[in-house]
Amino acid sequence: MKTAELIAANDFCVYHNVEYTFITSLHEAGLVEITIINETTFIPQTELQKLEKLISLHELDINIAGIEAISHLLERIEKLQEDMKYLKNRLRLYED
């Protein structure tokens, strides 16, 4: 992965006013991917949107376990919506 596609975790934490331990806790829970290069922690750009959503939940005083549960449920909802869209498109083939 190119370093241009990575954001230093410390810079991200300062910008969003969150503790570095919050990022590591999310990583340990499997919610966010991080990359370590030369003992510096980086966050891939692809993880930024997800991480910002998780920070919003954290600002509501939801703990890591709650954030993990909510994240899992949201992923399931998104998957079900994708499946429903696929099935509606398939059904349209037979209706015409």
PDB file of N, CA and C in Angstrom:
ATOM      1  N   MET A   1       0.847  -1.173   0.000  1.00  0.00           N
ATOM      2  CA  MET A   1       0.000   0.000   0.000  1.00  0.00           C
ATOM      3  C   MET A   1       0.893   1.237   0.000  1.00  0.00           C
ATOM      4  N   LYS A   2       0.522   2.202  -0.793  1.00  0.00           N
ATOM      5  CA  LYS A   2       1.296   3.431  -0.887  1.00  0.00           C
ATOM      6  C   LYS A   2       1.101   4.264   0.370  1.00  0.00           C
ATOM      7  N   THR A   3       2.171   4.922   0.794  1.00  0.00           N
ATOM      8  CA  THR A   3       2.062   5.753   1.990  1.00  0.00           C
ATOM      9  C   THR A   3       1.167   6.965   1.747  1.00  0.00           C
ATOM     10  N   ALA A   4       0.955   7.342   0.494  1.00  0.00           N
ATOM     11  CA  ALA A   4       0.050   8.456   0.186  1.00  0.00           C
ATOM     12  C   ALA A   4      -1.395   8.084   0.509  1.00  0.00           C
ATOM     13  N   GLU A   5      -1.693   6.797   0.576  1.00  0.00           N
ATOM     14  CA  GLU A   5      -3.042   6.328   0.880  1.00  0.00           C
ATOM     15  C   GLU A   5      -3.232   6.076   2.373  1.00  0.00           C
ATOM     16  N   LEU A   6      -2.269   6.502   3.178  1.00  0.00           N
ATOM     17  CA  LEU A   6      -2.311   6.280   4.620  1.00  0.00           C
ATOM     18  C   LEU A   6      -2.322   7.606   5.361  1.00  0.00           C
ATOM     19  N   ILE A   7      -3.034   7.644   6.479  1.00  0.00           N
ATOM     20  CA  ILE A   7      -3.074   8.821   7.333  1.00  0.00           C
ATOM     21  C   ILE A   7      -2.503   8.414   8.683  1.00  0.00           C
ATOM     22  N   ALA A   8      -1.606   9.215   9.207  1.00  0.00           N
ATOM     23  CA  ALA A   8      -1.022   8.918  10.516  1.00  0.00           C
ATOM     24  C   ALA A   8      -2.126   8.920  11.567  1.00  0.00           C
ATOM     25  N   ALA A   9      -2.158   7.880  12.379  1.00  0.00           N
ATOM     26  CA  ALA A   9      -3.202   7.742  13.397  1.00  0.00           C
ATOM     27  C   ALA A   9      -3.159   8.903  14.383  1.00  0.00           C
ATOM     28  N   ASN A  10      -1.971   9.351  14.742  1.00  0.00           N
ATOM     29  CA  ASN A  10      -1.863  10.474  15.680  1.00  0.00           C
ATOM     30  C   ASN A  10      -2.474  11.737  15.091  1.00  0.00           C
ATOM     31  N   ASP A  11      -2.232  12.001  13.812  1.00  0.00           N
ATOM     32  CA  ASP A  11      -2.824  13.173  13.157  1.00  0.00           C
ATOM     33  C   ASP A  11      -4.348  13.061  13.128  1.00  0.00           C
ATOM     34  N   PHE A  12      -4.838  11.866  12.835  1.00  0.00           N
ATOM     35  CA  PHE A  12      -6.279  11.631  12.806  1.00  0.00           C
ATOM     36  C   PHE A  12      -6.894  11.876  14.181  1.00  0.00           C
ATOM     37  N   CYS A  13      -6.232  11.380  15.212  1.00  0.00           N
ATOM     38  CA  CYS A  13      -6.737  11.542  16.581  1.00  0.00           C
ATOM     39  C   CYS A  13      -6.777  13.010  16.992  1.00  0.00           C
ATOM     40  N   VAL A  14      -5.746  13.757  16.637  1.00  0.00           N
ATOM     41  CA  VAL A  14      -5.725  15.189  16.963  1.00  0.00           C
ATOM     42  C   VAL A  14      -6.838  15.911  16.225  1.00  0.00           C
ATOM     43  N   TYR A  15      -7.000  15.622  14.947  1.00  0.00           N
ATOM     44  CA  TYR A  15      -8.018  16.290  14.133  1.00  0.00           C
ATOM     45  C   TYR A  15      -9.430  16.025  14.656  1.00  0.00           C
ATOM     46  N   HIS A  16      -9.691  14.760  15.057  1.00  0.00           N
ATOM     47  CA  HIS A  16     -11.032  14.372  15.506  1.00  0.00           C
ATOM     48  C   HIS A  16     -11.191  14.417  17.023  1.00  0.00           C
ATOM     49  N   ASN A  17     -10.141  14.812  17.714  1.00  0.00           N
ATOM     50  CA  ASN A  17     -10.163  14.941  19.169  1.00  0.00           C
ATOM     51  C   ASN A  17     -10.583  13.639  19.861  1.00  0.00           C
ATOM     52  N   VAL A  18      -9.948  12.542  19.470  1.00  0.00           N
ATOM     53  CA  VAL A  18     -10.180  11.242  20.106  1.00  0.00           C
ATOM     54  C   VAL A  18      -8.848  10.697  20.604  1.00  0.00           C
ATOM     55  N   GLU A  19      -8.923   9.830  21.574  1.00  0.00           N
ATOM     56  CA  GLU A  19      -7.724   9.210  22.128  1.00  0.00           C
ATOM     57  C   GLU A  19      -7.185   8.148  21.171  1.00  0.00           C
ATOM     58  N   TYR A  20      -5.880   8.009  21.155  1.00  0.00           N
ATOM     59  CA  TYR A  20      -5.238   6.986  20.333  1.00  0.00           C
ATOM     60  C   TYR A  20      -5.688   5.600  20.765  1.00  0.00           C
ATOM     61  N   THR A  21      -5.940   5.422  22.060  1.00  0.00           N
ATOM     62  CA  THR A  21      -6.375   4.112  22.565  1.00  0.00           C
ATOM     63  C   THR A  21      -7.726   3.710  21.984  1.00  0.00           C
ATOM     64  N   PHE A  22      -8.553   4.695  21.627  1.00  0.00           N
ATOM     65  CA  PHE A  22      -9.837   4.385  20.999  1.00  0.00           C
ATOM     66  C   PHE A  22      -9.618   3.699  19.652  1.00  0.00           C
ATOM     67  N   ILE A  23      -8.666   4.206  18.873  1.00  0.00           N
ATOM     68  CA  ILE A  23      -8.349   3.607  17.568  1.00  0.00           C
ATOM     69  C   ILE A  23      -7.815   2.192  17.763  1.00  0.00           C
ATOM     70  N   THR A  24      -6.918   2.011  18.731  1.00  0.00           N
ATOM     71  CA  THR A  24      -6.364   0.671  18.961  1.00  0.00           C
ATOM     72  C   THR A  24      -7.439  -0.288  19.468  1.00  0.00           C
ATOM     73  N   SER A  25      -8.367   0.214  20.274  1.00  0.00           N
ATOM     74  CA  SER A  25      -9.464  -0.634  20.759  1.00  0.00           C
ATOM     75  C   SER A  25     -10.359  -1.080  19.608  1.00  0.00           C
ATOM     76  N   LEU A  26     -10.639  -0.162  18.680  1.00  0.00           N
ATOM     77  CA  LEU A  26     -11.432  -0.523  17.511  1.00  0.00           C
ATOM     78  C   LEU A  26     -10.703  -1.562  16.661  1.00  0.00           C
ATOM     79  N   HIS A  27      -9.400  -1.401  16.546  1.00  0.00           N
ATOM     80  CA  HIS A  27      -8.607  -2.359  15.772  1.00  0.00           C
ATOM     81  C   HIS A  27      -8.626  -3.733  16.444  1.00  0.00           C
ATOM     82  N   GLU A  28      -8.448  -3.763  17.750  1.00  0.00           N
ATOM     83  CA  GLU A  28      -8.461  -5.026  18.486  1.00  0.00           C
ATOM     84  C   GLU A  28      -9.814  -5.726  18.383  1.00  0.00           C
ATOM     85  N   ALA A  29     -10.888  -4.934  18.268  1.00  0.00           N
ATOM     86  CA  ALA A  29     -12.232  -5.502  18.127  1.00  0.00           C
ATOM     87  C   ALA A  29     -12.507  -5.938  16.687  1.00  0.00           C
ATOM     88  N   GLY A  30     -11.575  -5.640  15.766  1.00  0.00           N
ATOM     89  CA  GLY A  30     -11.743  -6.030  14.371  1.00  0.00           C
ATOM     90  C   GLY A  30     -12.620  -5.084  13.567  1.00  0.00           C
ATOM     91  N   LEU A  31     -12.825  -3.877  14.087  1.00  0.00           N
ATOM     92  CA  LEU A  31     -13.704  -2.931  13.414  1.00  0.00           C
ATOM     93  C   LEU A  31     -12.967  -2.025  12.432  1.00  0.00           C
ATOM     94  N   VAL A  32     -11.668  -1.841  12.649  1.00  0.00           N
ATOM     95  CA  VAL A  32     -10.882  -0.930  11.816  1.00  0.00           C
ATOM     96  C   VAL A  32      -9.530  -1.572  11.536  1.00  0.00           C
ATOM     97  N   GLU A  33      -9.085  -1.423  10.293  1.00  0.00           N
ATOM     98  CA  GLU A  33      -7.755  -1.902   9.924  1.00  0.00           C
ATOM     99  C   GLU A  33      -6.754  -0.771  10.110  1.00  0.00           C
ATOM    100  N   ILE A  34      -5.584  -1.107  10.619  1.00  0.00           N
ATOM    101  CA  ILE A  34      -4.499  -0.145  10.719  1.00  0.00           C
ATOM    102  C   ILE A  34      -3.246  -0.770  10.131  1.00  0.00           C
ATOM    103  N   THR A  35      -2.293   0.082   9.775  1.00  0.00           N
ATOM    104  CA  THR A  35      -1.023  -0.377   9.233  1.00  0.00           C
ATOM    105  C   THR A  35       0.082   0.239  10.074  1.00  0.00           C
ATOM    106  N   ILE A  36       1.063  -0.563  10.425  1.00  0.00           N
ATOM    107  CA  ILE A  36       2.195  -0.057  11.214  1.00  0.00           C
ATOM    108  C   ILE A  36       3.438  -0.091  10.338  1.00  0.00           C
ATOM    109  N   ILE A  37       4.050   1.074  10.182  1.00  0.00           N
ATOM    110  CA  ILE A  37       5.274   1.215   9.397  1.00  0.00           C
ATOM    111  C   ILE A  37       6.288   1.951  10.264  1.00  0.00           C
ATOM    112  N   ASN A  38       7.432   1.324  10.481  1.00  0.00           N
ATOM    113  CA  ASN A  38       8.495   1.933  11.300  1.00  0.00           C
ATOM    114  C   ASN A  38       7.961   2.419  12.650  1.00  0.00           C
ATOM    115  N   GLU A  39       7.208   1.581  13.313  1.00  0.00           N
ATOM    116  CA  GLU A  39       6.642   1.846  14.631  1.00  0.00           C
ATOM    117  C   GLU A  39       5.671   3.028  14.657  1.00  0.00           C
ATOM    118  N   THR A  40       5.167   3.431  13.498  1.00  0.00           N
ATOM    119  CA  THR A  40       4.162   4.484  13.402  1.00  0.00           C
ATOM    120  C   THR A  40       2.880   3.860  12.866  1.00  0.00           C
ATOM    121  N   THR A  41       1.779   4.170  13.516  1.00  0.00           N
ATOM    122  CA  THR A  41       0.488   3.614  13.142  1.00  0.00           C
ATOM    123  C   THR A  41      -0.187   4.514  12.116  1.00  0.00           C
ATOM    124  N   PHE A  42      -0.693   3.880  11.059  1.00  0.00           N
ATOM    125  CA  PHE A  42      -1.380   4.594   9.998  1.00  0.00           C
ATOM    126  C   PHE A  42      -2.763   3.988   9.786  1.00  0.00           C
ATOM    127  N   ILE A  43      -3.658   4.820   9.279  1.00  0.00           N
ATOM    128  CA  ILE A  43      -5.010   4.386   8.946  1.00  0.00           C
ATOM    129  C   ILE A  43      -5.167   4.495   7.437  1.00  0.00           C
ATOM    130  N   PRO A  44      -5.555   3.408   6.762  1.00  0.00           N
ATOM    131  CA  PRO A  44      -5.788   3.482   5.312  1.00  0.00           C
ATOM    132  C   PRO A  44      -6.955   4.421   4.999  1.00  0.00           C
ATOM    133  N   GLN A  45      -6.869   5.121   3.891  1.00  0.00           N
ATOM    134  CA  GLN A  45      -7.937   6.037   3.492  1.00  0.00           C
ATOM    135  C   GLN A  45      -9.272   5.318   3.342  1.00  0.00           C
ATOM    136  N   THR A  46      -9.226   4.047   2.960  1.00  0.00           N
ATOM    137  CA  THR A  46     -10.460   3.283   2.781  1.00  0.00           C
ATOM    138  C   THR A  46     -11.216   3.080   4.094  1.00  0.00           C
ATOM    139  N   GLU A  47     -10.553   3.261   5.219  1.00  0.00           N
ATOM    140  CA  GLU A  47     -11.167   3.063   6.529  1.00  0.00           C
ATOM    141  C   GLU A  47     -11.715   4.358   7.132  1.00  0.00           C
ATOM    142  N   LEU A  48     -11.437   5.492   6.516  1.00  0.00           N
ATOM    143  CA  LEU A  48     -11.782   6.773   7.121  1.00  0.00           C
ATOM    144  C   LEU A  48     -13.280   6.961   7.329  1.00  0.00           C
ATOM    145  N   GLN A  49     -14.075   6.660   6.318  1.00  0.00           N
ATOM    146  CA  GLN A  49     -15.524   6.855   6.438  1.00  0.00           C
ATOM    147  C   GLN A  49     -16.089   5.990   7.563  1.00  0.00           C
ATOM    148  N   LYS A  50     -15.670   4.741   7.606  1.00  0.00           N
ATOM    149  CA  LYS A  50     -16.145   3.835   8.650  1.00  0.00           C
ATOM    150  C   LYS A  50     -15.698   4.331  10.028  1.00  0.00           C
ATOM    151  N   LEU A  51     -14.454   4.765  10.122  1.00  0.00           N
ATOM    152  CA  LEU A  51     -13.918   5.238  11.391  1.00  0.00           C
ATOM    153  C   LEU A  51     -14.647   6.485  11.879  1.00  0.00           C
ATOM    154  N   GLU A  52     -14.992   7.380  10.975  1.00  0.00           N
ATOM    155  CA  GLU A  52     -15.724   8.582  11.368  1.00  0.00           C
ATOM    156  C   GLU A  52     -17.130   8.240  11.875  1.00  0.00           C
ATOM    157  N   LYS A  53     -17.766   7.223  11.297  1.00  0.00           N
ATOM    158  CA  LYS A  53     -19.063   6.768  11.798  1.00  0.00           C
ATOM    159  C   LYS A  53     -18.919   6.199  13.214  1.00  0.00           C
ATOM    160  N   LEU A  54     -17.846   5.441  13.429  1.00  0.00           N
ATOM    161  CA  LEU A  54     -17.626   4.844  14.742  1.00  0.00           C
ATOM    162  C   LEU A  54     -17.331   5.920  15.784  1.00  0.00           C
ATOM    163  N   ILE A  55     -16.650   6.973  15.386  1.00  0.00           N
ATOM    164  CA  ILE A  55     -16.384   8.087  16.304  1.00  0.00           C
ATOM    165  C   ILE A  55     -17.689   8.761  16.696  1.00  0.00           C
ATOM    166  N   SER A  56     -18.601   8.884  15.739  1.00  0.00           N
ATOM    167  CA  SER A  56     -19.912   9.475  16.047  1.00  0.00           C
ATOM    168  C   SER A  56     -20.639   8.665  17.109  1.00  0.00           C
ATOM    169  N   LEU A  57     -20.554   7.358  17.022  1.00  0.00           N
ATOM    170  CA  LEU A  57     -21.171   6.498  18.035  1.00  0.00           C
ATOM    171  C   LEU A  57     -20.471   6.672  19.382  1.00  0.00           C
ATOM    172  N   HIS A  58     -19.156   6.780  19.343  1.00  0.00           N
ATOM    173  CA  HIS A  58     -18.363   6.961  20.569  1.00  0.00           C
ATOM    174  C   HIS A  58     -18.734   8.277  21.252  1.00  0.00           C
ATOM    175  N   GLU A  59     -19.006   9.308  20.469  1.00  0.00           N
ATOM    176  CA  GLU A  59     -19.395  10.607  21.032  1.00  0.00           C
ATOM    177  C   GLU A  59     -20.747  10.545  21.733  1.00  0.00           C
ATOM    178  N   LEU A  60     -21.533   9.517  21.440  1.00  0.00           N
ATOM    179  CA  LEU A  60     -22.810   9.305  22.122  1.00  0.00           C
ATOM    180  C   LEU A  60     -22.639   8.483  23.402  1.00  0.00           C
ATOM    181  N   ASP A  61     -21.385   8.336  23.836  1.00  0.00           N
ATOM    182  CA  ASP A  61     -21.026   7.571  25.042  1.00  0.00           C
ATOM    183  C   ASP A  61     -21.369   6.090  24.932  1.00  0.00           C
ATOM    184  N   ILE A  62     -21.225   5.540  23.734  1.00  0.00           N
ATOM    185  CA  ILE A  62     -21.417   4.108  23.527  1.00  0.00           C
ATOM    186  C   ILE A  62     -20.048   3.448  23.627  1.00  0.00           C
ATOM    187  N   ASN A  63     -19.960   2.392  24.425  1.00  0.00           N
ATOM    188  CA  ASN A  63     -18.672   1.725  24.617  1.00  0.00           C
ATOM    189  C   ASN A  63     -18.301   0.863  23.405  1.00  0.00           C
ATOM    190  N   ILE A  64     -17.107   0.299  23.430  1.00  0.00           N
ATOM    191  CA  ILE A  64     -16.588  -0.469  22.292  1.00  0.00           C
ATOM    192  C   ILE A  64     -17.484  -1.665  21.982  1.00  0.00           C
ATOM    193  N   ALA A  65     -17.954  -2.364  23.008  1.00  0.00           N
ATOM    194  CA  ALA A  65     -18.832  -3.520  22.770  1.00  0.00           C
ATOM    195  C   ALA A  65     -20.121  -3.084  22.089  1.00  0.00           C
ATOM    196  N   GLY A  66     -20.673  -1.963  22.506  1.00  0.00           N
ATOM    197  CA  GLY A  66     -21.890  -1.447  21.880  1.00  0.00           C
ATOM    198  C   GLY A  66     -21.643  -1.012  20.451  1.00  0.00           C
ATOM    199  N   ILE A  67     -20.497  -0.356  20.223  1.00  0.00           N
ATOM    200  CA  ILE A  67     -20.136   0.060  18.870  1.00  0.00           C
ATOM    201  C   ILE A  67     -19.953  -1.153  17.975  1.00  0.00           C
ATOM    202  N   GLU A  68     -19.356  -2.191  18.519  1.00  0.00           N
ATOM    203  CA  GLU A  68     -19.161  -3.426  17.756  1.00  0.00           C
ATOM    204  C   GLU A  68     -20.510  -4.039  17.373  1.00  0.00           C
ATOM    205  N   ALA A  69     -21.452  -4.080  18.311  1.00  0.00           N
ATOM    206  CA  ALA A  69     -22.776  -4.643  18.039  1.00  0.00           C
ATOM    207  C   ALA A  69     -23.521  -3.804  17.000  1.00  0.00           C
ATOM    208  N   ILE A  70     -23.490  -2.495  17.159  1.00  0.00           N
ATOM    209  CA  ILE A  70     -24.169  -1.601  16.213  1.00  0.00           C
ATOM    210  C   ILE A  70     -23.567  -1.730  14.827  1.00  0.00           C
ATOM    211  N   SER A  71     -22.241  -1.769  14.764  1.00  0.00           N
ATOM    212  CA  SER A  71     -21.554  -1.897  13.482  1.00  0.00           C
ATOM    213  C   SER A  71     -21.941  -3.190  12.781  1.00  0.00           C
ATOM    214  N   HIS A  72     -21.997  -4.277  13.546  1.00  0.00           N
ATOM    215  CA  HIS A  72     -22.386  -5.572  12.988  1.00  0.00           C
ATOM    216  C   HIS A  72     -23.815  -5.528  12.443  1.00  0.00           C
ATOM    217  N   LEU A  73     -24.720  -4.930  13.199  1.00  0.00           N
ATOM    218  CA  LEU A  73     -26.111  -4.832  12.756  1.00  0.00           C
ATOM    219  C   LEU A  73     -26.241  -3.957  11.511  1.00  0.00           C
ATOM    220  N   LEU A  74     -25.515  -2.855  11.451  1.00  0.00           N
ATOM    221  CA  LEU A  74     -25.557  -1.988  10.277  1.00  0.00           C
ATOM    222  C   LEU A  74     -25.029  -2.703   9.035  1.00  0.00           C
ATOM    223  N   GLU A  75     -23.979  -3.503   9.204  1.00  0.00           N
ATOM    224  CA  GLU A  75     -23.450  -4.282   8.080  1.00  0.00           C
ATOM    225  C   GLU A  75     -24.483  -5.284   7.590  1.00  0.00           C
ATOM    226  N   ARG A  76     -25.192  -5.915   8.520  1.00  0.00           N
ATOM    227  CA  ARG A  76     -26.236  -6.878   8.132  1.00  0.00           C
ATOM    228  C   ARG A  76     -27.379  -6.185   7.402  1.00  0.00           C
ATOM    229  N   ILE A  77     -27.758  -4.999   7.861  1.00  0.00           N
ATOM    230  CA  ILE A  77     -28.819  -4.246   7.197  1.00  0.00           C
ATOM    231  C   ILE A  77     -28.402  -3.890   5.779  1.00  0.00           C
ATOM    232  N   GLU A  78     -27.170  -3.413   5.618  1.00  0.00           N
ATOM    233  CA  GLU A  78     -26.673  -3.060   4.278  1.00  0.00           C
ATOM    234  C   GLU A  78     -26.677  -4.277   3.363  1.00  0.00           C
ATOM    235  N   LYS A  79     -26.282  -5.428   3.882  1.00  0.00           N
ATOM    236  CA  LYS A  79     -26.268  -6.662   3.092  1.00  0.00           C
ATOM    237  C   LYS A  79     -27.683  -7.055   2.696  1.00  0.00           C
ATOM    238  N   LEU A  80     -28.612  -6.958   3.631  1.00  0.00           N
ATOM    239  CA  LEU A  80     -30.009  -7.285   3.325  1.00  0.00           C
ATOM    240  C   LEU A  80     -30.589  -6.329   2.284  1.00  0.00           C
ATOM    241  N   GLN A  81     -30.238  -5.063   2.366  1.00  0.00           N
ATOM    242  CA  GLN A  81     -30.711  -4.096   1.377  1.00  0.00           C
ATOM    243  C   GLN A  81     -30.153  -4.409  -0.006  1.00  0.00           C
ATOM    244  N   GLU A  82     -28.872  -4.795  -0.064  1.00  0.00           N
ATOM    245  CA  GLU A  82     -28.278  -5.186  -1.344  1.00  0.00           C
ATOM    246  C   GLU A  82     -28.980  -6.414  -1.913  1.00  0.00           C
ATOM    247  N   ASP A  83     -29.245  -7.395  -1.058  1.00  0.00           N
ATOM    248  CA  ASP A  83     -29.939  -8.604  -1.496  1.00  0.00           C
ATOM    249  C   ASP A  83     -31.342  -8.290  -2.000  1.00  0.00           C
ATOM    250  N   MET A  84     -32.038  -7.413  -1.288  1.00  0.00           N
ATOM    251  CA  MET A  84     -33.391  -7.049  -1.695  1.00  0.00           C
ATOM    252  C   MET A  84     -33.373  -6.320  -3.039  1.00  0.00           C
ATOM    253  N   LYS A  85     -32.417  -5.452  -3.243  1.00  0.00           N
ATOM    254  CA  LYS A  85     -32.306  -4.743  -4.523  1.00  0.00           C
ATOM    255  C   LYS A  85     -32.030  -5.734  -5.653  1.00  0.00           C
ATOM    256  N   TYR A  86     -31.160  -6.691  -5.409  1.00  0.00           N
ATOM    257  CA  TYR A  86     -30.842  -7.717  -6.396  1.00  0.00           C
ATOM    258  C   TYR A  86     -32.089  -8.534  -6.735  1.00  0.00           C
ATOM    259  N   LEU A  87     -32.820  -8.943  -5.708  1.00  0.00           N
ATOM    260  CA  LEU A  87     -34.016  -9.756  -5.929  1.00  0.00           C
ATOM    261  C   LEU A  87     -35.110  -8.977  -6.651  1.00  0.00           C
ATOM    262  N   LYS A  88     -35.254  -7.684  -6.340  1.00  0.00           N
ATOM    263  CA  LYS A  88     -36.234  -6.856  -7.055  1.00  0.00           C
ATOM    264  C   LYS A  88     -35.876  -6.752  -8.529  1.00  0.00           C
ATOM    265  N   ASN A  89     -34.602  -6.596  -8.817  1.00  0.00           N
ATOM    266  CA  ASN A  89     -34.165  -6.533 -10.216  1.00  0.00           C
ATOM    267  C   ASN A  89     -34.415  -7.854 -10.933  1.00  0.00           C
ATOM    268  N   ARG A  90     -34.183  -8.955 -10.265  1.00  0.00           N
ATOM    269  CA  ARG A  90     -34.457 -10.267 -10.856  1.00  0.00           C
ATOM    270  C   ARG A  90     -35.949 -10.455 -11.092  1.00  0.00           C
ATOM    271  N   LEU A  91     -36.751 -10.029 -10.150  1.00  0.00           N
ATOM    272  CA  LEU A  91     -38.195 -10.168 -10.269  1.00  0.00           C
ATOM    273  C   LEU A  91     -38.728  -9.340 -11.435  1.00  0.00           C
ATOM    274  N   ARG A  92     -38.148  -8.192 -11.644  1.00  0.00           N
ATOM    275  CA  ARG A  92     -38.557  -7.338 -12.757  1.00  0.00           C
ATOM    276  C   ARG A  92     -38.392  -8.034 -14.103  1.00  0.00           C
ATOM    277  N   LEU A  93     -37.409  -8.914 -14.193  1.00  0.00           N
ATOM    278  CA  LEU A  93     -37.191  -9.666 -15.438  1.00  0.00           C
ATOM    279  C   LEU A  93     -38.403 -10.541 -15.755  1.00  0.00           C
ATOM    280  N   TYR A  94     -39.013 -11.112 -14.735  1.00  0.00           N
ATOM    281  CA  TYR A  94     -40.140 -12.014 -14.942  1.00  0.00           C
ATOM    282  C   TYR A  94     -41.475 -11.271 -15.078  1.00  0.00           C
ATOM    283  N   GLU A  95     -41.543 -10.051 -14.579  1.00  0.00           N
ATOM    284  CA  GLU A  95     -42.778  -9.284 -14.641  1.00  0.00           C
ATOM    285  C   GLU A  95     -43.025  -8.688 -16.034  1.00  0.00           C
ATOM    286  N   ASP A  96     -41.988  -8.441 -16.779  1.00  0.00           N
ATOM    287  CA  ASP A  96     -42.140  -7.811 -18.101  1.00  0.00           C
ATOM    288  C   ASP A  96     -42.558  -8.781 -19.158  1.00  0.00           C
TER     289      ASP A  96
END
